[in-house]
Protein backbone atom coordinates (compact mmCIF):
# COMPACT_ATOMS: atom_id res chain seq x y z
CA MET A 1 11.19 -1.54 -0.77
CA PRO A 2 8.25 -1.85 -3.10
CA LYS A 3 8.15 0.30 -6.17
CA ASN A 4 6.26 3.55 -6.54
CA LEU A 5 2.86 3.40 -8.06
CA ILE A 6 2.22 6.17 -10.47
CA ILE A 7 -1.09 6.38 -12.00
CA HIS A 8 -1.12 9.77 -14.51
CA ASN A 9 -4.90 9.44 -15.59
CA LEU A 10 -7.91 8.12 -13.75
CA GLU A 11 -11.45 8.02 -14.31
CA VAL A 12 -14.41 6.09 -12.37
CA ARG A 13 -17.97 6.14 -13.15
CA PHE A 14 -21.07 4.80 -11.33
CA GLN A 15 -24.21 4.94 -10.45
CA VAL A 16 -25.88 5.08 -7.03
CA ASP A 17 -29.18 6.10 -5.49
CA GLY A 18 -28.72 8.93 -2.71
CA ASP A 19 -25.58 11.19 -2.72
CA ASP A 20 -23.15 10.49 -5.11
CA GLY A 21 -19.93 12.19 -3.48
CA ALA A 22 -20.83 10.47 0.23
CA VAL A 23 -21.14 6.98 -1.59
CA PHE A 24 -17.60 7.79 -3.53
CA GLN A 25 -16.02 8.85 -0.36
CA ARG A 26 -17.21 5.84 2.06
CA LEU A 27 -16.04 3.47 -0.65
CA PHE A 28 -12.77 5.50 -1.46
CA ASN A 29 -12.21 5.42 2.40
CA LYS A 30 -12.58 1.66 3.27
CA HIS A 31 -10.72 0.89 -0.06
CA ILE A 32 -7.61 3.37 0.18
CA GLN A 33 -7.31 2.37 3.95
CA GLU A 34 -6.88 -1.31 2.89
CA TRP A 35 -4.59 -0.65 0.19
CA SER A 36 -2.38 1.18 2.93
CA ARG A 37 -2.32 -1.25 5.51
CA LEU A 38 -1.30 -3.83 2.84
CA TYR A 39 1.66 -1.32 1.46
CA GLU A 40 2.82 -0.65 4.91
CA ALA A 41 3.14 -4.67 5.44
CA GLU A 42 4.68 -4.98 2.36
CA CYS A 43 7.20 -2.28 3.36
CA ALA A 44 8.03 -4.15 6.87
CA ARG A 45 8.12 -7.06 5.56
CA ALA A 46 10.99 -5.50 2.95
CA LYS A 47 12.76 -3.97 5.59
CA GLN A 48 12.92 -6.96 7.77
CA SER A 49 14.33 -8.41 5.12
CA ALA A 50 17.18 -6.52 4.47
CA ASN A 51 18.08 -6.08 8.09
CA ASP A 52 17.84 -9.95 8.10
CA ARG A 53 20.67 -10.08 5.29
CA LYS A 54 22.64 -7.18 7.09
CA LEU A 55 22.64 -10.04 10.24
CA GLY A 56 23.90 -12.63 7.76
CA ASP A 57 26.27 -10.61 6.54
CA MET A 58 28.00 -9.68 9.48
CA GLU A 59 27.61 -13.31 11.11
CA GLY A 60 30.20 -14.54 8.53
CA GLY A 61 32.48 -11.70 9.36
CA TRP A 62 33.00 -12.16 12.86
């Protein structure tokens, strides 16, 4: 499993035309979804690797 990431302090500053909150929300959602997709893919790879190692251990013991 990938190690957990803990952010203790995060400050974001930007200037946009229009509603700052709506722009931030749109950008945040876009990037957090991409991060989540990549994180889930890494978790799946780690799980598959662990399962593959278990199979390798079982084959040698039969």
